[in-house]
């Protein structure tokens, strides 16, 4: 589970950096931002599951 979360964190970080670069160039990054928010939601869910599995409660 931890490896999966680490991979999702790295992916989200790279995606966020890409969105920042696109935004600075004036590119309409609205779709990329929406995708990033979706990825962040999934990452939060993974962290919640990890917490639940580690402690037995959220």
N, C-alpha and C. Protein backbone atom coordinates (compact mmCIF):
# COMPACT_ATOMS: atom_id res chain seq x y z
N UNK A 1 0.83 -1.18 0.00
CA UNK A 1 0.00 0.00 0.00
C UNK A 1 0.88 1.25 0.00
N UNK A 2 1.92 1.24 0.82
CA UNK A 2 2.81 2.41 0.89
C UNK A 2 3.49 2.69 -0.45
N UNK A 3 3.87 1.64 -1.16
CA UNK A 3 4.50 1.82 -2.47
C UNK A 3 3.51 2.43 -3.46
N UNK A 4 2.27 2.00 -3.38
CA UNK A 4 1.23 2.53 -4.26
C UNK A 4 1.01 4.02 -3.98
N UNK A 5 1.00 4.38 -2.71
CA UNK A 5 0.81 5.78 -2.33
C UNK A 5 2.01 6.62 -2.77
N UNK A 6 3.21 6.09 -2.58
CA UNK A 6 4.41 6.81 -3.00
C UNK A 6 4.40 7.06 -4.50
N UNK A 7 3.96 6.06 -5.26
CA UNK A 7 3.89 6.21 -6.71
C UNK A 7 2.84 7.27 -7.09
N UNK A 8 1.70 7.25 -6.41
CA UNK A 8 0.65 8.25 -6.68
C UNK A 8 1.13 9.65 -6.31
N UNK A 9 1.88 9.77 -5.22
CA UNK A 9 2.42 11.07 -4.81
C UNK A 9 3.39 11.61 -5.85
N UNK A 10 4.25 10.75 -6.34
CA UNK A 10 5.22 11.17 -7.36
C UNK A 10 4.52 11.59 -8.64
N UNK A 11 3.51 10.82 -9.03
CA UNK A 11 2.75 11.14 -10.23
C UNK A 11 2.02 12.48 -10.07
N UNK A 12 1.39 12.67 -8.93
CA UNK A 12 0.66 13.91 -8.67
C UNK A 12 1.59 15.11 -8.65
N UNK A 13 2.76 14.93 -8.07
CA UNK A 13 3.74 16.01 -8.00
C UNK A 13 4.21 16.39 -9.40
N UNK A 14 4.48 15.40 -10.22
CA UNK A 14 4.91 15.68 -11.59
C UNK A 14 3.79 16.34 -12.39
N UNK A 15 2.57 15.87 -12.17
CA UNK A 15 1.44 16.45 -12.87
C UNK A 15 1.22 17.90 -12.44
N UNK A 16 1.37 18.18 -11.15
CA UNK A 16 1.21 19.55 -10.65
C UNK A 16 2.27 20.47 -11.25
N UNK A 17 3.50 19.98 -11.33
CA UNK A 17 4.57 20.79 -11.92
C UNK A 17 4.27 21.09 -13.39
N UNK A 18 3.76 20.11 -14.10
CA UNK A 18 3.41 20.30 -15.51
C UNK A 18 2.30 21.34 -15.67
N UNK A 19 1.29 21.26 -14.80
CA UNK A 19 0.19 22.23 -14.85
C UNK A 19 0.72 23.64 -14.58
N UNK A 20 1.62 23.78 -13.61
CA UNK A 20 2.19 25.10 -13.32
C UNK A 20 2.94 25.65 -14.54
N UNK A 21 3.72 24.81 -15.18
CA UNK A 21 4.47 25.24 -16.36
C UNK A 21 3.52 25.66 -17.47
N UNK A 22 2.50 24.84 -17.72
CA UNK A 22 1.53 25.17 -18.78
C UNK A 22 0.82 26.48 -18.48
N UNK A 23 0.44 26.67 -17.23
CA UNK A 23 -0.26 27.89 -16.84
C UNK A 23 0.60 29.13 -17.05
N UNK A 24 1.88 29.02 -16.75
CA UNK A 24 2.79 30.16 -16.90
C UNK A 24 2.99 30.56 -18.36
N UNK A 25 2.81 29.60 -19.26
CA UNK A 25 2.98 29.91 -20.68
C UNK A 25 1.72 30.47 -21.30
N UNK A 26 0.65 30.57 -20.50
CA UNK A 26 -0.60 31.09 -21.01
C UNK A 26 -1.51 30.01 -21.59
N UNK A 27 -1.06 28.77 -21.57
CA UNK A 27 -1.85 27.65 -22.06
C UNK A 27 -3.07 27.45 -21.16
N UNK A 28 -4.22 27.16 -21.76
CA UNK A 28 -5.43 26.88 -20.98
C UNK A 28 -5.28 25.49 -20.36
N UNK A 29 -4.96 25.48 -19.09
CA UNK A 29 -4.70 24.22 -18.38
C UNK A 29 -5.89 23.76 -17.56
N UNK A 30 -7.09 24.24 -17.89
CA UNK A 30 -8.26 23.91 -17.06
C UNK A 30 -8.55 22.41 -17.02
N UNK A 31 -8.41 21.73 -18.16
CA UNK A 31 -8.63 20.28 -18.16
C UNK A 31 -7.56 19.56 -17.34
N UNK A 32 -6.34 20.02 -17.46
CA UNK A 32 -5.25 19.41 -16.69
C UNK A 32 -5.45 19.64 -15.20
N UNK A 33 -5.96 20.80 -14.85
CA UNK A 33 -6.22 21.10 -13.43
C UNK A 33 -7.32 20.20 -12.91
N UNK A 34 -8.38 19.99 -13.69
CA UNK A 34 -9.45 19.09 -13.28
C UNK A 34 -8.91 17.67 -13.06
N UNK A 35 -8.07 17.21 -13.96
CA UNK A 35 -7.49 15.88 -13.82
C UNK A 35 -6.63 15.79 -12.57
N UNK A 36 -5.88 16.87 -12.30
CA UNK A 36 -5.03 16.90 -11.12
C UNK A 36 -5.87 16.81 -9.85
N UNK A 37 -6.99 17.55 -9.81
CA UNK A 37 -7.87 17.47 -8.64
C UNK A 37 -8.40 16.06 -8.45
N UNK A 38 -8.74 15.38 -9.54
CA UNK A 38 -9.19 14.00 -9.46
C UNK A 38 -8.11 13.10 -8.89
N UNK A 39 -6.90 13.32 -9.33
CA UNK A 39 -5.78 12.53 -8.83
C UNK A 39 -5.52 12.80 -7.35
N UNK A 40 -5.66 14.04 -6.95
CA UNK A 40 -5.47 14.39 -5.54
C UNK A 40 -6.55 13.74 -4.67
N UNK A 41 -7.78 13.69 -5.18
CA UNK A 41 -8.86 13.02 -4.45
C UNK A 41 -8.55 11.53 -4.28
N UNK A 42 -8.05 10.91 -5.35
CA UNK A 42 -7.70 9.49 -5.27
C UNK A 42 -6.56 9.27 -4.28
N UNK A 43 -5.60 10.16 -4.27
CA UNK A 43 -4.49 10.07 -3.34
C UNK A 43 -4.97 10.20 -1.90
N UNK A 44 -5.88 11.11 -1.66
CA UNK A 44 -6.45 11.27 -0.32
C UNK A 44 -7.18 10.01 0.11
N UNK A 45 -7.89 9.37 -0.82
CA UNK A 45 -8.59 8.12 -0.49
C UNK A 45 -7.59 7.02 -0.16
N UNK A 46 -6.50 6.94 -0.91
CA UNK A 46 -5.47 5.93 -0.62
C UNK A 46 -4.87 6.15 0.76
N UNK A 47 -4.61 7.38 1.10
CA UNK A 47 -4.05 7.69 2.41
C UNK A 47 -5.03 7.32 3.52
N UNK A 48 -6.31 7.55 3.27
CA UNK A 48 -7.33 7.20 4.26
C UNK A 48 -7.38 5.69 4.47
N UNK A 49 -7.29 4.93 3.39
CA UNK A 49 -7.28 3.47 3.48
C UNK A 49 -6.04 3.01 4.25
N UNK A 50 -4.89 3.60 3.94
CA UNK A 50 -3.66 3.24 4.64
C UNK A 50 -3.80 3.51 6.13
N UNK A 51 -4.37 4.65 6.47
CA UNK A 51 -4.57 5.00 7.87
C UNK A 51 -5.50 4.00 8.54
N UNK A 52 -6.57 3.67 7.86
CA UNK A 52 -7.54 2.71 8.40
C UNK A 52 -6.89 1.36 8.63
N UNK A 53 -6.12 0.89 7.65
CA UNK A 53 -5.47 -0.41 7.78
C UNK A 53 -4.42 -0.41 8.87
N UNK A 54 -3.77 0.72 9.06
CA UNK A 54 -2.72 0.80 10.07
C UNK A 54 -3.25 0.93 11.49
N UNK A 55 -4.40 1.56 11.64
CA UNK A 55 -4.92 1.82 12.99
C UNK A 55 -6.25 1.14 13.27
N UNK A 56 -6.93 0.69 12.23
CA UNK A 56 -8.22 0.07 12.41
C UNK A 56 -9.36 1.07 12.38
N UNK A 57 -9.04 2.36 12.26
CA UNK A 57 -10.06 3.41 12.14
C UNK A 57 -9.46 4.62 11.48
N UNK A 58 -10.30 5.47 10.85
CA UNK A 58 -9.77 6.64 10.14
C UNK A 58 -9.16 7.68 11.05
